[in-house]
């Protein structure tokens, strides 16, 4: 039996871009759970305990700053976060938010999948 790949939670409200991300990650062998908003994302992260979170920074209900704070304080071992969108200079971006990579500009799924692979292979356990 094949060992299932690591789990990635994608928290993204843009359906078109989210579908591109999900397809790219699944093509790399990852199991992917997509949450359409940040509240569902927090629930998914708590239930699944993913290896990596892919997060759109600007989201309804809870933005990236609050989301990453909730993950960091709510989990004993929070997973690394890859943020899509926003700005590296965003004043709300906490240096200790668990964000390991900040991707700006148009969505590039090749860069994103390389980042996820790197984070998963470099994470202990």
C-alpha atoms as a PDB file:
ATOM      1  CA  UNK A   1       0.000   0.000   0.000  1.00  0.00           C
ATOM      2  CA  UNK A   2       1.305   3.466  -0.853  1.00  0.00           C
ATOM      3  CA  UNK A   3       2.055   5.784   2.032  1.00  0.00           C
ATOM      4  CA  UNK A   4      -0.109   8.902   1.671  1.00  0.00           C
ATOM      5  CA  UNK A   5       1.795  12.142   1.222  1.00  0.00           C
ATOM      6  CA  UNK A   6       2.007  14.891   3.820  1.00  0.00           C
ATOM      7  CA  UNK A   7      -1.105  16.959   4.495  1.00  0.00           C
ATOM      8  CA  UNK A   8      -1.289  20.605   3.422  1.00  0.00           C
ATOM      9  CA  UNK A   9      -4.120  22.954   4.383  1.00  0.00           C
ATOM     10  CA  UNK A  10      -4.821  25.682   1.830  1.00  0.00           C
ATOM     11  CA  UNK A  11      -6.727  28.646   3.282  1.00  0.00           C
ATOM     12  CA  UNK A  12      -7.782  30.651   0.259  1.00  0.00           C
ATOM     13  CA  UNK A  13     -10.968  32.466  -0.704  1.00  0.00           C
ATOM     14  CA  UNK A  14     -10.252  32.969  -4.431  1.00  0.00           C
ATOM     15  CA  UNK A  15     -11.702  29.849  -6.094  1.00  0.00           C
ATOM     16  CA  UNK A  16      -9.663  30.057  -9.313  1.00  0.00           C
ATOM     17  CA  UNK A  17      -6.305  30.511  -7.590  1.00  0.00           C
ATOM     18  CA  UNK A  18      -7.169  27.996  -4.881  1.00  0.00           C
ATOM     19  CA  UNK A  19      -7.944  25.367  -7.511  1.00  0.00           C
ATOM     20  CA  UNK A  20      -4.573  26.002  -9.180  1.00  0.00           C
ATOM     21  CA  UNK A  21      -2.813  25.603  -5.816  1.00  0.00           C
ATOM     22  CA  UNK A  22      -4.724  22.444  -4.893  1.00  0.00           C
ATOM     23  CA  UNK A  23      -4.054  20.802  -8.270  1.00  0.00           C
ATOM     24  CA  UNK A  24      -0.349  21.699  -8.176  1.00  0.00           C
ATOM     25  CA  UNK A  25       0.102  20.341  -4.646  1.00  0.00           C
ATOM     26  CA  UNK A  26      -1.836  17.142  -5.391  1.00  0.00           C
ATOM     27  CA  UNK A  27       0.299  16.608  -8.503  1.00  0.00           C
ATOM     28  CA  UNK A  28       3.312  16.649  -6.158  1.00  0.00           C
ATOM     29  CA  UNK A  29       1.746  13.895  -4.022  1.00  0.00           C
ATOM     30  CA  UNK A  30       0.409  15.964  -1.136  1.00  0.00           C
ATOM     31  CA  UNK A  31      -2.964  15.417   0.479  1.00  0.00           C
ATOM     32  CA  UNK A  32      -4.709  18.785   0.353  1.00  0.00           C
ATOM     33  CA  UNK A  33      -7.584  20.212   2.341  1.00  0.00           C
ATOM     34  CA  UNK A  34      -8.895  23.545   1.117  1.00  0.00           C
ATOM     35  CA  UNK A  35     -10.707  25.967   3.427  1.00  0.00           C
ATOM     36  CA  UNK A  36     -12.630  28.793   1.728  1.00  0.00           C
ATOM     37  CA  UNK A  37     -12.244  31.215   4.624  1.00  0.00           C
ATOM     38  CA  UNK A  38     -10.048  31.745   7.635  1.00  0.00           C
ATOM     39  CA  UNK A  39     -12.555  30.443  10.181  1.00  0.00           C
ATOM     40  CA  UNK A  40     -12.880  27.120   8.347  1.00  0.00           C
ATOM     41  CA  UNK A  41      -9.095  27.191   7.977  1.00  0.00           C
ATOM     42  CA  UNK A  42      -8.580  27.320  11.735  1.00  0.00           C
ATOM     43  CA  UNK A  43     -10.920  24.363  12.182  1.00  0.00           C
ATOM     44  CA  UNK A  44      -9.127  22.378   9.461  1.00  0.00           C
ATOM     45  CA  UNK A  45      -5.700  23.109  10.922  1.00  0.00           C
ATOM     46  CA  UNK A  46      -6.828  21.967  14.369  1.00  0.00           C
ATOM     47  CA  UNK A  47      -8.445  18.771  13.062  1.00  0.00           C
ATOM     48  CA  UNK A  48      -5.807  17.778  10.507  1.00  0.00           C
ATOM     49  CA  UNK A  49      -2.504  18.986  12.016  1.00  0.00           C
ATOM     50  CA  UNK A  50      -0.986  19.626   8.568  1.00  0.00           C
ATOM     51  CA  UNK A  51       2.693  19.642   7.670  1.00  0.00           C
ATOM     52  CA  UNK A  52       2.303  23.097   6.062  1.00  0.00           C
ATOM     53  CA  UNK A  53      -0.356  25.798   5.759  1.00  0.00           C
ATOM     54  CA  UNK A  54      -0.733  27.829   2.556  1.00  0.00           C
ATOM     55  CA  UNK A  55      -2.527  31.040   3.494  1.00  0.00           C
ATOM     56  CA  UNK A  56      -3.912  33.968   1.573  1.00  0.00           C
ATOM     57  CA  UNK A  57      -3.060  36.967   3.767  1.00  0.00           C
ATOM     58  CA  UNK A  58      -6.112  39.113   3.045  1.00  0.00           C
ATOM     59  CA  UNK A  59      -9.171  37.041   3.942  1.00  0.00           C
ATOM     60  CA  UNK A  60     -12.721  37.674   5.151  1.00  0.00           C
ATOM     61  CA  UNK A  61     -13.443  37.349   8.884  1.00  0.00           C
ATOM     62  CA  UNK A  62      -9.863  36.870  10.081  1.00  0.00           C
ATOM     63  CA  UNK A  63      -6.816  38.235   8.258  1.00  0.00           C
ATOM     64  CA  UNK A  64      -3.393  36.616   8.096  1.00  0.00           C
ATOM     65  CA  UNK A  65      -2.090  38.322  11.203  1.00  0.00           C
ATOM     66  CA  UNK A  66      -4.903  37.064  13.420  1.00  0.00           C
ATOM     67  CA  UNK A  67      -4.933  33.644  11.746  1.00  0.00           C
ATOM     68  CA  UNK A  68      -1.214  33.024  12.265  1.00  0.00           C
ATOM     69  CA  UNK A  69      -1.431  34.278  15.851  1.00  0.00           C
ATOM     70  CA  UNK A  70      -4.314  31.869  16.545  1.00  0.00           C
ATOM     71  CA  UNK A  71      -2.397  28.944  15.025  1.00  0.00           C
ATOM     72  CA  UNK A  72       0.815  29.821  16.861  1.00  0.00           C
ATOM     73  CA  UNK A  73      -0.877  30.154  20.250  1.00  0.00           C
ATOM     74  CA  UNK A  74      -3.445  27.384  19.783  1.00  0.00           C
ATOM     75  CA  UNK A  75      -1.222  24.499  18.744  1.00  0.00           C
ATOM     76  CA  UNK A  76       1.613  22.916  20.666  1.00  0.00           C
ATOM     77  CA  UNK A  77       3.553  22.400  17.431  1.00  0.00           C
ATOM     78  CA  UNK A  78       2.320  24.912  14.832  1.00  0.00           C
ATOM     79  CA  UNK A  79       3.172  24.072  11.225  1.00  0.00           C
ATOM     80  CA  UNK A  80       5.100  26.473   8.997  1.00  0.00           C
ATOM     81  CA  UNK A  81       3.012  28.921   6.988  1.00  0.00           C
ATOM     82  CA  UNK A  82       3.485  30.032   3.389  1.00  0.00           C
ATOM     83  CA  UNK A  83       1.661  33.311   2.757  1.00  0.00           C
ATOM     84  CA  UNK A  84       0.382  34.269  -0.673  1.00  0.00           C
ATOM     85  CA  UNK A  85      -0.403  37.914  -1.320  1.00  0.00           C
ATOM     86  CA  UNK A  86      -0.096  40.935   0.870  1.00  0.00           C
ATOM     87  CA  UNK A  87       3.170  42.768   1.169  1.00  0.00           C
ATOM     88  CA  UNK A  88       6.475  41.995   2.822  1.00  0.00           C
ATOM     89  CA  UNK A  89       6.242  45.448   4.363  1.00  0.00           C
ATOM     90  CA  UNK A  90       2.752  44.890   5.804  1.00  0.00           C
ATOM     91  CA  UNK A  91       2.877  46.596   9.215  1.00  0.00           C
ATOM     92  CA  UNK A  92       0.684  43.852  10.677  1.00  0.00           C
ATOM     93  CA  UNK A  93       3.172  41.139   9.749  1.00  0.00           C
ATOM     94  CA  UNK A  94       4.630  39.769  12.943  1.00  0.00           C
ATOM     95  CA  UNK A  95       8.171  38.437  12.612  1.00  0.00           C
ATOM     96  CA  UNK A  96       7.263  35.609  14.990  1.00  0.00           C
ATOM     97  CA  UNK A  97       4.012  34.646  13.252  1.00  0.00           C
ATOM     98  CA  UNK A  98       5.289  31.328  11.973  1.00  0.00           C
ATOM     99  CA  UNK A  99       5.379  32.619   8.405  1.00  0.00           C
ATOM    100  CA  UNK A 100       8.309  30.871   6.762  1.00  0.00           C
ATOM    101  CA  UNK A 101       7.805  32.256   3.268  1.00  0.00           C
ATOM    102  CA  UNK A 102       6.011  35.294   1.925  1.00  0.00           C
ATOM    103  CA  UNK A 103       5.090  35.067  -1.793  1.00  0.00           C
ATOM    104  CA  UNK A 104       4.044  38.356  -3.390  1.00  0.00           C
ATOM    105  CA  UNK A 105       2.980  39.156  -6.914  1.00  0.00           C
ATOM    106  CA  UNK A 106       1.046  36.903  -9.264  1.00  0.00           C
ATOM    107  CA  UNK A 107       0.518  33.347  -8.092  1.00  0.00           C
ATOM    108  CA  UNK A 108       3.353  31.053  -9.212  1.00  0.00           C
ATOM    109  CA  UNK A 109       2.451  27.453  -8.382  1.00  0.00           C
ATOM    110  CA  UNK A 110       5.942  26.166  -9.253  1.00  0.00           C
ATOM    111  CA  UNK A 111       7.511  28.463  -6.646  1.00  0.00           C
ATOM    112  CA  UNK A 112       4.807  27.552  -4.151  1.00  0.00           C
ATOM    113  CA  UNK A 113       5.228  23.798  -4.576  1.00  0.00           C
ATOM    114  CA  UNK A 114       9.027  24.109  -4.252  1.00  0.00           C
ATOM    115  CA  UNK A 115       8.528  26.093  -1.028  1.00  0.00           C
ATOM    116  CA  UNK A 116       6.119  23.532   0.406  1.00  0.00           C
ATOM    117  CA  UNK A 117       8.482  20.666  -0.504  1.00  0.00           C
ATOM    118  CA  UNK A 118      11.412  22.483   1.117  1.00  0.00           C
ATOM    119  CA  UNK A 119       9.482  23.169   4.317  1.00  0.00           C
ATOM    120  CA  UNK A 120       8.267  19.594   4.586  1.00  0.00           C
ATOM    121  CA  UNK A 121      11.680  18.045   3.965  1.00  0.00           C
ATOM    122  CA  UNK A 122      13.373  20.412   6.425  1.00  0.00           C
ATOM    123  CA  UNK A 123      10.808  19.941   9.223  1.00  0.00           C
ATOM    124  CA  UNK A 124      11.706  17.491  11.961  1.00  0.00           C
ATOM    125  CA  UNK A 125       9.493  14.466  12.492  1.00  0.00           C
END
